[in-house]
Amino acid sequence: MKILVVGSKGFIGSHCFEYFNTRAEVWGCDVFTDYNEINFFLVDSFGADYHTVFQSQRFDVCVNCSGAASVPDSLKAPLRDFELNVQNVVRLLESIRIYNPACKFINLSSAAVYGNPDKLPIAEAQRLNPISPYGFHKWQAEQICSEYAKFFNLRTCSLRIFSAYGPRLKKQLLWDVFKKTRDTSRLELFGTGDESRDYIFIDDIIRAIEVIIHKAPFTSDIFNVAGGEAISTKTIASLLVASLGWRGDIIFTGKKRPGDPDEWKADLSKMEQLGFKPSIRLEDGIKFHAAWLRSLA
């Protein structure tokens, strides 16, 4: 099997590349390189040309881990977010359509498409209500995958990733907590602390992708990828600081950031039907995450 990982230098992409590199012929693709790399394509940040990629090689699977991944940034620069999360998907699928139509395409979407859901746990068929440009753009990318499946018979699917964490993630809540614990004994965070997210450790995300490759029908399907548990911000922040050995006060400001939902918990029935269940307990995942953070100090 020959696999292309687009965004292979990013958080999920780098783990994906490393995991499959021991199991298949894997090629990377990103906007920067360490040079002297083999099996790697360098593309532009904007207006990436994937024609050369798919002209030169025939892939069995393309995993799209590229794009912007920040709700606050999407509110500041919505056009940039659109270009990276929507137009980039069109360019990929168009190149696949022309040069490699048998290639399976896995698009990494986001739970941000749900916004504040009508009910929990959230099933894939629930009404979508994105509350940020990022969420809207991830939804649009899913629709483009459906378009290319319907009109051009491409084999596509989208994975709605919930709150990912693990080594190499230098953004979002856990990174923010880590940085603040280095400078102060009083840690201030947005919200009330009771907001919930559904966290999934990076190893489980990669396992989910592997299950999708081998068992999904690729008929523009949608799958939730999550831990299946609602965890409050207060709980996960407390677990992390305890693992870091930090002693101080965690204060929640009560201020809500635009684009942040209140509650998330995924219905994993569809993934379970394919044989996938998360295997990393939150407590263990946080210990792994904290060990990596300590290594940066």
Protein backbone atom coordinates (compact mmCIF):
# COMPACT_ATOMS: atom_id res chain seq x y z
CA MET A 1 0.00 0.00 0.00
CA LYS A 2 1.22 3.51 -0.85
CA ILE A 3 -0.03 6.35 1.40
CA LEU A 4 0.32 10.13 0.99
CA VAL A 5 0.08 12.22 4.18
CA VAL A 6 -0.62 15.87 3.36
CA GLY A 7 0.40 18.12 6.24
CA SER A 8 2.98 15.55 7.33
CA LYS A 9 4.89 18.08 9.47
CA GLY A 10 1.89 19.00 11.61
CA PHE A 11 0.63 17.49 14.86
CA ILE A 12 -1.62 14.73 13.53
CA GLY A 13 0.22 14.48 10.21
CA SER A 14 3.64 13.78 11.73
CA HIS A 15 2.25 11.00 13.95
CA CYS A 16 0.35 9.60 10.98
CA PHE A 17 3.49 9.57 8.83
CA GLU A 18 5.58 7.84 11.50
CA TYR A 19 2.97 5.19 12.26
CA PHE A 20 2.27 4.15 8.69
CA ASN A 21 5.91 4.42 7.67
CA THR A 22 6.52 1.07 9.38
CA ARG A 23 3.52 -0.55 7.70
CA ALA A 24 3.41 0.82 4.15
CA GLU A 25 5.21 2.99 1.62
CA VAL A 26 4.51 6.48 2.92
CA TRP A 27 5.13 9.85 1.30
CA GLY A 28 4.93 13.19 3.08
CA CYS A 29 3.75 16.55 1.78
CA ASP A 30 3.93 19.93 3.50
CA VAL A 31 4.81 23.60 3.15
CA PHE A 32 8.27 23.26 4.70
CA THR A 33 10.96 20.61 4.77
CA ASP A 34 14.02 19.57 6.76
CA TYR A 35 15.76 19.06 3.38
CA ASN A 36 17.44 15.90 2.15
CA GLU A 37 14.19 14.08 2.83
CA ILE A 38 13.14 11.16 0.71
CA ASN A 39 9.55 10.45 -0.29
CA PHE A 40 8.54 14.06 0.31
CA PHE A 41 6.78 16.78 -1.68
CA LEU A 42 7.25 20.48 -0.85
CA VAL A 43 4.25 22.67 -1.75
CA ASP A 44 3.36 26.36 -1.38
CA SER A 45 1.37 27.56 1.62
CA PHE A 46 -1.29 29.08 -0.62
CA GLY A 47 -2.33 27.84 -4.03
CA ALA A 48 -0.56 24.52 -3.58
CA ASP A 49 -0.15 22.63 -6.84
CA TYR A 50 -0.85 18.94 -6.23
CA HIS A 51 -0.85 18.05 -9.93
CA THR A 52 2.86 17.29 -9.79
CA VAL A 53 2.35 15.11 -6.72
CA PHE A 54 -0.30 12.88 -8.28
CA GLN A 55 1.32 12.90 -11.72
CA SER A 56 4.58 11.53 -10.34
CA GLN A 57 3.13 8.84 -8.03
CA ARG A 58 0.03 6.68 -7.76
CA PHE A 59 -1.32 6.46 -4.21
CA ASP A 60 -3.78 4.04 -2.68
CA VAL A 61 -4.69 6.46 0.13
CA CYS A 62 -4.36 10.21 0.69
CA VAL A 63 -4.80 11.43 4.28
CA ASN A 64 -5.36 15.17 4.39
CA CYS A 65 -3.99 16.42 7.73
CA SER A 66 -3.27 19.90 6.36
CA GLY A 67 -5.05 23.21 6.94
CA ALA A 68 -5.54 25.81 9.64
CA ALA A 69 -6.69 24.61 13.06
CA SER A 70 -7.52 27.66 15.14
CA VAL A 71 -10.97 29.05 15.91
CA PRO A 72 -9.60 32.44 17.14
CA ASP A 73 -7.42 32.80 14.03
CA SER A 74 -10.39 32.02 11.78
CA LEU A 75 -12.24 34.96 13.34
CA LYS A 76 -9.26 37.25 12.74
CA ALA A 77 -8.45 36.04 9.23
CA PRO A 78 -11.44 34.19 7.73
CA LEU A 79 -10.15 34.35 4.15
CA ARG A 80 -6.89 32.66 5.13
CA ASP A 81 -8.84 29.97 6.98
CA PHE A 82 -11.07 29.44 3.92
CA GLU A 83 -8.08 29.11 1.60
CA LEU A 84 -6.33 26.58 3.84
CA ASN A 85 -9.35 24.52 4.86
CA VAL A 86 -11.60 24.67 1.79
CA GLN A 87 -9.71 25.65 -1.34
CA ASN A 88 -6.87 23.31 -0.42
CA VAL A 89 -9.31 20.37 -0.32
CA VAL A 90 -10.67 21.33 -3.75
CA ARG A 91 -7.12 21.38 -5.17
CA LEU A 92 -6.35 17.98 -3.70
CA LEU A 93 -9.53 16.36 -4.99
CA GLU A 94 -9.19 17.94 -8.41
CA SER A 95 -5.68 16.51 -8.77
CA ILE A 96 -6.89 13.11 -7.60
CA ARG A 97 -9.81 13.27 -10.06
CA ILE A 98 -7.48 13.94 -12.99
CA TYR A 99 -4.46 11.76 -12.19
CA ASN A 100 -5.30 9.20 -9.49
CA PRO A 101 -9.09 8.57 -9.33
CA ALA A 102 -8.73 5.22 -7.53
CA CYS A 103 -7.05 6.89 -4.52
CA LYS A 104 -9.02 6.83 -1.27
CA PHE A 105 -9.27 10.33 0.24
CA ILE A 106 -9.53 10.84 4.00
CA ASN A 107 -10.32 14.41 5.01
CA LEU A 108 -9.72 15.41 8.62
CA SER A 109 -12.70 17.53 9.59
CA SER A 110 -13.63 18.80 13.05
CA ALA A 111 -16.31 18.65 15.72
CA ALA A 112 -16.46 22.43 15.24
CA VAL A 113 -19.09 21.76 12.56
CA TYR A 114 -21.55 20.96 15.38
CA GLY A 115 -21.16 24.23 17.29
CA ASN A 116 -23.44 24.02 20.31
CA PRO A 117 -25.27 20.73 19.66
CA ASP A 118 -28.99 20.17 20.22
CA LYS A 119 -28.29 17.12 22.38
CA LEU A 120 -25.55 14.88 23.73
CA PRO A 121 -23.97 12.59 22.74
CA ILE A 122 -23.57 14.07 19.27
CA ALA A 123 -24.33 11.73 16.36
CA GLU A 124 -23.09 12.41 12.85
CA ALA A 125 -26.64 12.91 11.55
CA GLN A 126 -27.42 15.74 13.98
CA ARG A 127 -28.10 19.24 12.74
CA LEU A 128 -24.90 21.19 12.15
CA ASN A 129 -24.60 24.63 13.68
CA PRO A 130 -21.02 25.95 13.41
CA ILE A 131 -20.32 29.05 15.50
CA SER A 132 -17.02 30.08 13.92
CA PRO A 133 -15.60 30.54 10.41
CA TYR A 134 -13.39 27.53 11.14
CA GLY A 135 -16.46 25.36 11.77
CA PHE A 136 -18.19 26.62 8.62
CA HIS A 137 -15.10 25.97 6.51
CA LYS A 138 -14.69 22.43 7.82
CA TRP A 139 -18.34 21.83 6.93
CA GLN A 140 -17.77 23.20 3.43
CA ALA A 141 -14.79 20.88 2.97
CA GLU A 142 -17.01 17.94 3.88
CA GLN A 143 -19.53 19.04 1.27
CA ILE A 144 -16.78 19.24 -1.34
CA CYS A 145 -15.81 15.65 -0.51
CA SER A 146 -19.45 14.69 -1.09
CA GLU A 147 -19.50 16.63 -4.38
CA TYR A 148 -16.49 14.78 -5.76
CA ALA A 149 -17.89 11.44 -4.62
CA LYS A 150 -21.30 12.09 -6.21
CA PHE A 151 -20.26 13.58 -9.53
CA PHE A 152 -16.83 12.05 -10.11
CA ASN A 153 -17.07 8.75 -8.19
CA LEU A 154 -14.08 9.54 -6.00
CA ARG A 155 -13.73 7.51 -2.82
CA THR A 156 -13.92 10.03 0.03
CA CYS A 157 -14.74 10.23 3.71
CA SER A 158 -14.41 12.84 6.47
CA LEU A 159 -13.42 12.31 10.09
CA ARG A 160 -14.81 14.78 12.61
CA ILE A 161 -11.97 14.95 15.12
CA PHE A 162 -13.00 16.15 18.56
CA SER A 163 -10.45 17.53 21.06
CA ALA A 164 -7.11 15.99 20.09
CA TYR A 165 -4.12 16.03 22.42
CA GLY A 166 -0.73 14.41 22.81
CA PRO A 167 2.99 15.05 22.23
CA ARG A 168 3.88 17.79 19.68
CA LEU A 169 0.62 19.73 20.13
CA LYS A 170 1.74 23.32 20.73
CA LYS A 171 -1.62 25.05 20.79
CA GLN A 172 -5.01 25.00 22.51
CA LEU A 173 -5.88 24.46 26.18
CA LEU A 174 -3.16 22.10 27.39
CA TRP A 175 -0.37 24.09 25.75
CA ASP A 176 -1.83 27.29 27.24
CA VAL A 177 -1.93 25.72 30.70
CA PHE A 178 1.66 24.48 30.39
CA LYS A 179 3.02 27.87 29.34
CA LYS A 180 1.23 29.66 32.16
CA THR A 181 2.46 27.23 34.83
CA ARG A 182 6.04 28.15 33.93
CA ASP A 183 5.53 31.82 34.74
CA THR A 184 3.06 32.09 37.59
CA SER A 185 1.48 30.46 40.63
CA ARG A 186 -1.93 31.81 39.61
CA LEU A 187 -3.27 30.30 36.40
CA GLU A 188 -6.14 32.14 34.68
CA LEU A 189 -8.27 30.41 32.06
CA PHE A 190 -11.30 31.41 30.00
CA GLY A 191 -14.79 30.17 30.89
CA THR A 192 -16.28 28.78 34.08
CA GLY A 193 -14.35 25.51 34.10
CA ASP A 194 -17.57 23.53 33.65
CA GLU A 195 -17.44 23.61 29.85
CA SER A 196 -16.86 20.10 28.50
CA ARG A 197 -14.93 18.61 25.60
CA ASP A 198 -14.46 15.08 24.31
CA TYR A 199 -10.71 14.43 24.34
CA ILE A 200 -8.91 11.83 22.26
CA PHE A 201 -5.21 10.96 22.50
CA ILE A 202 -3.17 11.12 19.30
CA ASP A 203 -2.43 7.37 19.24
CA ASP A 204 -6.15 6.63 19.14
CA ILE A 205 -6.65 9.10 16.29
CA ILE A 206 -4.03 7.28 14.23
CA ARG A 207 -5.63 3.93 15.03
CA ALA A 208 -8.99 5.34 13.91
CA ILE A 209 -7.45 6.41 10.59
CA GLU A 210 -6.06 2.90 10.13
CA VAL A 211 -9.49 1.37 10.76
CA ILE A 212 -11.03 3.79 8.25
CA ILE A 213 -8.47 2.87 5.58
CA HIS A 214 -9.27 -0.82 5.84
CA LYS A 215 -12.97 -0.88 6.72
CA ALA A 216 -14.79 2.31 5.66
CA PRO A 217 -16.89 2.16 2.45
CA PHE A 218 -15.57 5.54 1.19
CA THR A 219 -18.90 6.78 -0.11
CA SER A 220 -18.45 10.33 1.26
CA ASP A 221 -19.08 8.96 4.76
CA ILE A 222 -18.78 10.98 7.97
CA PHE A 223 -17.35 9.56 11.21
CA ASN A 224 -16.89 11.01 14.70
CA VAL A 225 -13.43 10.38 16.15
CA ALA A 226 -13.33 11.02 19.90
CA GLY A 227 -12.88 9.46 23.31
CA GLY A 228 -16.62 9.20 23.92
CA GLU A 229 -16.51 11.03 27.25
CA ALA A 230 -17.42 14.57 28.29
CA ILE A 231 -14.53 16.05 30.31
CA SER A 232 -14.76 19.47 31.94
CA THR A 233 -12.06 22.08 31.42
CA LYS A 234 -11.58 22.16 35.18
CA THR A 235 -10.95 18.40 35.30
CA ILE A 236 -8.42 18.18 32.48
CA ALA A 237 -6.54 21.31 33.59
CA SER A 238 -6.28 19.86 37.12
CA LEU A 239 -5.03 16.52 35.80
CA LEU A 240 -2.36 18.23 33.73
CA VAL A 241 -0.99 20.52 36.45
CA ALA A 242 -0.89 17.58 38.87
CA SER A 243 1.13 15.55 36.33
CA LEU A 244 3.44 18.54 35.83
CA GLY A 245 3.95 18.85 39.58
CA TRP A 246 2.72 22.45 39.57
CA ARG A 247 1.18 23.86 42.73
CA GLY A 248 -0.90 26.98 42.48
CA ASP A 249 -4.40 28.30 41.96
CA ILE A 250 -6.45 27.75 38.81
CA ILE A 251 -8.82 30.66 38.28
CA PHE A 252 -11.59 30.71 35.67
CA THR A 253 -12.47 34.20 34.51
CA GLY A 254 -16.03 33.40 33.45
CA LYS A 255 -15.37 35.12 30.13
CA LYS A 256 -16.34 33.12 27.07
CA ARG A 257 -14.29 33.30 23.89
CA PRO A 258 -16.18 33.75 20.60
CA GLY A 259 -16.50 30.47 18.73
CA ASP A 260 -16.10 28.23 21.79
CA PRO A 261 -18.96 25.71 22.33
CA ASP A 262 -20.28 24.83 25.78
CA GLU A 263 -20.49 21.03 25.70
CA TRP A 264 -19.23 18.19 23.54
CA LYS A 265 -19.57 14.45 23.80
CA ALA A 266 -19.44 12.22 20.73
CA ASP A 267 -21.63 9.30 19.78
CA LEU A 268 -19.09 6.73 18.54
CA SER A 269 -21.59 4.15 17.26
CA LYS A 270 -20.48 4.43 13.63
CA MET A 271 -16.81 3.95 14.43
CA GLU A 272 -17.64 1.10 16.81
CA GLN A 273 -19.46 -0.66 13.97
CA LEU A 274 -16.14 -0.66 12.11
CA GLY A 275 -14.42 -2.17 15.14
CA PHE A 276 -12.84 0.94 16.66
CA LYS A 277 -12.84 1.85 20.35
CA PRO A 278 -10.49 4.35 22.06
CA SER A 279 -7.84 2.54 24.10
CA ILE A 280 -5.98 5.35 25.92
CA ARG A 281 -7.54 6.41 29.23
CA LEU A 282 -7.56 10.16 29.83
CA GLU A 283 -5.44 9.83 32.97
CA ASP A 284 -2.79 7.87 31.05
CA GLY A 285 -2.92 10.18 28.04
CA ILE A 286 -2.39 13.23 30.25
CA LYS A 287 0.65 11.55 31.86
CA PHE A 288 2.15 10.91 28.41
CA HIS A 289 1.36 14.48 27.38
CA ALA A 290 2.86 15.92 30.59
CA ALA A 291 6.04 13.85 30.18
CA TRP A 292 6.54 15.36 26.72
CA LEU A 293 5.89 18.89 28.04
CA ARG A 294 8.45 18.39 30.81
CA SER A 295 11.00 17.35 28.20
CA LEU A 296 10.67 20.82 26.62
CA ALA A 297 11.65 22.67 29.79
